[in-house]
Amino acid sequence: QKVYENHHVETNARLFTGWWYNVRRGNVEDKDLSTHSRFDTMNIELDWHDLSPKRDLNEGWIGDRFPLCVDLPSKHFLKKGA
């Protein structure tokens, strides 16, 4: 059984920095009187997001073995099978 340590938790928590609730909609009944919506998707505020590299749980880096976007061919996402 694999055991995770505090540095694993800390580095993976950085993935979720910058998220904030959307403004509440008027067509949802809820007893929570806050102005934030807990039903809709959350927004990411880039100024609040930690942009530093993140470690994975195997001591590698998240995104390793994937090419950078700038290294991909132009409009690769429009090609058949993308």
N, C-alpha and C. Protein backbone atom coordinates (compact mmCIF):
# COMPACT_ATOMS: atom_id res chain seq x y z
N GLN A 1 0.85 -1.19 0.00
CA GLN A 1 0.00 0.00 0.00
C GLN A 1 0.89 1.24 0.00
N LYS A 2 0.59 2.16 -0.91
CA LYS A 2 1.40 3.37 -1.05
C LYS A 2 0.97 4.41 -0.02
N VAL A 3 1.95 5.06 0.58
CA VAL A 3 1.67 6.10 1.57
C VAL A 3 2.14 7.43 1.01
N TYR A 4 1.29 8.44 1.11
CA TYR A 4 1.64 9.77 0.65
C TYR A 4 2.03 10.63 1.83
N GLU A 5 2.97 11.51 1.60
CA GLU A 5 3.46 12.39 2.66
C GLU A 5 2.96 13.81 2.43
N ASN A 6 3.27 14.69 3.36
CA ASN A 6 2.79 16.07 3.28
C ASN A 6 3.22 16.77 2.00
N HIS A 7 4.45 16.52 1.52
CA HIS A 7 4.88 17.21 0.30
C HIS A 7 4.07 16.76 -0.91
N HIS A 8 3.56 15.52 -0.91
CA HIS A 8 2.67 15.07 -1.98
C HIS A 8 1.36 15.86 -1.95
N VAL A 9 0.81 16.00 -0.77
CA VAL A 9 -0.46 16.73 -0.61
C VAL A 9 -0.27 18.20 -0.98
N GLU A 10 0.81 18.78 -0.51
CA GLU A 10 1.06 20.21 -0.75
C GLU A 10 1.22 20.51 -2.24
N THR A 11 2.02 19.71 -2.93
CA THR A 11 2.25 20.00 -4.34
C THR A 11 1.00 19.74 -5.18
N ASN A 12 0.19 18.75 -4.82
CA ASN A 12 -1.03 18.50 -5.58
C ASN A 12 -2.12 19.51 -5.25
N ALA A 13 -2.09 20.09 -4.07
CA ALA A 13 -3.05 21.14 -3.74
C ALA A 13 -2.81 22.38 -4.60
N ARG A 14 -1.58 22.58 -5.05
CA ARG A 14 -1.27 23.74 -5.90
C ARG A 14 -1.97 23.66 -7.25
N LEU A 15 -2.40 22.47 -7.64
CA LEU A 15 -3.15 22.33 -8.89
C LEU A 15 -4.46 23.10 -8.83
N PHE A 16 -5.02 23.25 -7.65
CA PHE A 16 -6.36 23.81 -7.50
C PHE A 16 -6.34 25.26 -7.01
N THR A 17 -5.21 25.93 -7.07
CA THR A 17 -5.18 27.33 -6.67
C THR A 17 -5.80 28.19 -7.76
N GLY A 18 -6.46 29.24 -7.35
CA GLY A 18 -7.04 30.18 -8.31
C GLY A 18 -8.49 29.93 -8.65
N TRP A 19 -9.08 28.85 -8.15
CA TRP A 19 -10.49 28.55 -8.45
C TRP A 19 -11.39 29.41 -7.58
N TRP A 20 -12.49 29.89 -8.15
CA TRP A 20 -13.45 30.69 -7.41
C TRP A 20 -14.85 30.42 -7.94
N TYR A 21 -15.83 30.56 -7.07
CA TYR A 21 -17.22 30.29 -7.44
C TYR A 21 -17.77 31.31 -8.43
N ASN A 22 -18.69 30.87 -9.27
CA ASN A 22 -19.44 31.77 -10.13
C ASN A 22 -20.47 32.54 -9.31
N VAL A 23 -21.01 33.59 -9.90
CA VAL A 23 -22.07 34.35 -9.25
C VAL A 23 -23.33 33.49 -9.23
N ARG A 24 -24.07 33.60 -8.18
CA ARG A 24 -25.27 32.80 -7.97
C ARG A 24 -26.35 33.13 -9.00
N ARG A 25 -27.03 32.09 -9.49
CA ARG A 25 -28.16 32.27 -10.41
C ARG A 25 -29.44 32.47 -9.62
N GLY A 26 -30.41 33.12 -10.24
CA GLY A 26 -31.68 33.38 -9.57
C GLY A 26 -32.68 32.25 -9.68
N ASN A 27 -32.45 31.28 -10.56
CA ASN A 27 -33.44 30.24 -10.78
C ASN A 27 -33.16 28.95 -10.00
N VAL A 28 -32.36 29.01 -8.96
CA VAL A 28 -32.03 27.84 -8.16
C VAL A 28 -32.45 28.08 -6.72
N GLU A 29 -33.25 27.16 -6.18
CA GLU A 29 -33.65 27.29 -4.78
C GLU A 29 -32.59 26.67 -3.89
N ASP A 30 -32.18 27.42 -2.91
CA ASP A 30 -31.14 26.96 -2.00
C ASP A 30 -31.27 27.77 -0.72
N LYS A 31 -31.10 27.13 0.41
CA LYS A 31 -31.20 27.84 1.69
C LYS A 31 -29.92 28.59 2.05
N ASP A 32 -28.85 28.30 1.31
CA ASP A 32 -27.59 29.01 1.52
C ASP A 32 -27.75 30.43 0.97
N LEU A 33 -27.56 31.44 1.77
CA LEU A 33 -27.79 32.82 1.37
C LEU A 33 -26.55 33.51 0.82
N SER A 34 -25.51 32.75 0.50
CA SER A 34 -24.30 33.38 -0.02
C SER A 34 -24.54 33.86 -1.46
N THR A 35 -23.61 34.63 -1.96
CA THR A 35 -23.71 35.14 -3.33
C THR A 35 -23.02 34.21 -4.33
N HIS A 36 -22.45 33.11 -3.85
CA HIS A 36 -21.70 32.20 -4.71
C HIS A 36 -22.55 31.00 -5.10
N SER A 37 -22.41 30.56 -6.33
CA SER A 37 -23.12 29.39 -6.82
C SER A 37 -22.32 28.13 -6.54
N ARG A 38 -22.94 27.16 -5.94
CA ARG A 38 -22.29 25.87 -5.72
C ARG A 38 -22.79 24.83 -6.73
N PHE A 39 -23.61 25.26 -7.68
CA PHE A 39 -24.15 24.37 -8.70
C PHE A 39 -23.40 24.51 -10.02
N ASP A 40 -22.91 25.68 -10.31
CA ASP A 40 -22.26 25.94 -11.59
C ASP A 40 -20.77 25.68 -11.51
N THR A 41 -20.15 25.58 -12.68
CA THR A 41 -18.71 25.37 -12.73
C THR A 41 -17.98 26.55 -12.10
N MET A 42 -16.78 26.30 -11.64
CA MET A 42 -15.99 27.35 -11.03
C MET A 42 -15.13 28.04 -12.08
N ASN A 43 -14.79 29.29 -11.84
CA ASN A 43 -13.88 30.04 -12.71
C ASN A 43 -12.47 29.92 -12.16
N ILE A 44 -11.49 30.08 -13.03
CA ILE A 44 -10.11 30.11 -12.57
C ILE A 44 -9.57 31.52 -12.78
N GLU A 45 -9.05 32.09 -11.73
CA GLU A 45 -8.46 33.42 -11.77
C GLU A 45 -6.95 33.23 -11.98
N LEU A 46 -6.46 33.56 -13.16
CA LEU A 46 -5.05 33.30 -13.47
C LEU A 46 -4.10 34.03 -12.54
N ASP A 47 -4.49 35.21 -12.08
CA ASP A 47 -3.61 35.95 -11.16
C ASP A 47 -3.45 35.24 -9.83
N TRP A 48 -4.38 34.38 -9.47
CA TRP A 48 -4.33 33.66 -8.19
C TRP A 48 -3.70 32.28 -8.34
N HIS A 49 -3.53 31.80 -9.57
CA HIS A 49 -3.08 30.42 -9.80
C HIS A 49 -1.56 30.31 -9.67
N ASP A 50 -1.13 29.24 -9.02
CA ASP A 50 0.30 28.95 -8.89
C ASP A 50 0.80 28.36 -10.20
N LEU A 51 1.63 29.09 -10.93
CA LEU A 51 2.09 28.66 -12.25
C LEU A 51 3.35 27.81 -12.22
N SER A 52 3.88 27.55 -11.05
CA SER A 52 5.11 26.76 -10.98
C SER A 52 4.83 25.29 -11.32
N PRO A 53 5.85 24.53 -11.73
CA PRO A 53 5.66 23.12 -12.06
C PRO A 53 5.16 22.33 -10.84
N LYS A 54 4.37 21.30 -11.11
CA LYS A 54 3.79 20.48 -10.03
C LYS A 54 4.34 19.07 -10.13
N ARG A 55 4.70 18.50 -8.98
CA ARG A 55 5.20 17.12 -8.93
C ARG A 55 4.03 16.15 -8.91
N ASP A 56 4.22 14.98 -9.52
CA ASP A 56 3.19 13.95 -9.44
C ASP A 56 3.48 13.05 -8.23
N LEU A 57 2.67 12.04 -8.04
CA LEU A 57 2.82 11.18 -6.86
C LEU A 57 3.94 10.17 -6.99
N ASN A 58 4.56 10.10 -8.16
CA ASN A 58 5.68 9.17 -8.38
C ASN A 58 7.00 9.90 -8.47
N GLU A 59 7.06 11.11 -7.92
CA GLU A 59 8.26 11.95 -7.88
C GLU A 59 8.68 12.45 -9.26
N GLY A 60 7.79 12.36 -10.25
CA GLY A 60 8.03 12.96 -11.56
C GLY A 60 7.34 14.32 -11.59
N TRP A 61 7.06 14.79 -12.79
CA TRP A 61 6.39 16.08 -12.95
C TRP A 61 5.11 15.89 -13.74
N ILE A 62 4.05 16.57 -13.33
CA ILE A 62 2.79 16.49 -14.06
C ILE A 62 2.99 17.08 -15.44
N GLY A 63 2.59 16.34 -16.46
CA GLY A 63 2.77 16.79 -17.83
C GLY A 63 4.02 16.26 -18.50
N ASP A 64 4.88 15.56 -17.74
CA ASP A 64 6.06 14.96 -18.37
C ASP A 64 5.61 13.98 -19.45
N ARG A 65 6.41 13.81 -20.44
CA ARG A 65 6.17 12.91 -21.57
C ARG A 65 5.13 13.43 -22.54
N PHE A 66 4.61 14.63 -22.33
CA PHE A 66 3.69 15.25 -23.28
C PHE A 66 4.40 16.41 -23.95
N PRO A 67 4.19 16.61 -25.23
CA PRO A 67 4.86 17.72 -25.91
C PRO A 67 4.29 19.07 -25.48
N LEU A 68 5.10 20.09 -25.57
CA LEU A 68 4.62 21.44 -25.32
C LEU A 68 3.73 21.88 -26.48
N CYS A 69 2.77 22.73 -26.21
CA CYS A 69 1.87 23.21 -27.25
C CYS A 69 2.62 23.87 -28.40
N VAL A 70 3.69 24.59 -28.08
CA VAL A 70 4.44 25.29 -29.14
C VAL A 70 5.18 24.30 -30.05
N ASP A 71 5.39 23.07 -29.59
CA ASP A 71 6.09 22.07 -30.39
C ASP A 71 5.15 21.25 -31.28
N LEU A 72 3.85 21.44 -31.14
CA LEU A 72 2.88 20.69 -31.93
C LEU A 72 2.66 21.35 -33.28
N PRO A 73 2.25 20.57 -34.29
CA PRO A 73 1.98 21.16 -35.61
C PRO A 73 0.81 22.14 -35.54
N SER A 74 0.79 23.05 -36.48
CA SER A 74 -0.28 24.05 -36.53
C SER A 74 -1.64 23.37 -36.73
N LYS A 75 -2.62 23.79 -35.97
CA LYS A 75 -4.01 23.30 -36.06
C LYS A 75 -4.11 21.78 -35.93
N HIS A 76 -3.26 21.19 -35.11
CA HIS A 76 -3.26 19.73 -34.94
C HIS A 76 -4.59 19.22 -34.38
N PHE A 77 -5.28 20.04 -33.64
CA PHE A 77 -6.53 19.63 -33.01
C PHE A 77 -7.68 19.53 -34.03
N LEU A 78 -7.48 20.00 -35.26
CA LEU A 78 -8.50 19.91 -36.30
C LEU A 78 -8.31 18.68 -37.19
N LYS A 79 -7.23 17.96 -37.01
CA LYS A 79 -6.95 16.82 -37.85
C LYS A 79 -7.80 15.62 -37.48
N LYS A 80 -8.02 14.74 -38.45
CA LYS A 80 -8.83 13.54 -38.24
C LYS A 80 -8.25 12.70 -37.10
N GLY A 81 -9.12 12.29 -36.17
CA GLY A 81 -8.70 11.46 -35.06
C GLY A 81 -8.17 12.22 -33.87
N ALA A 82 -8.17 13.53 -33.95
CA ALA A 82 -7.64 14.34 -32.83
C ALA A 82 -8.53 14.25 -31.63
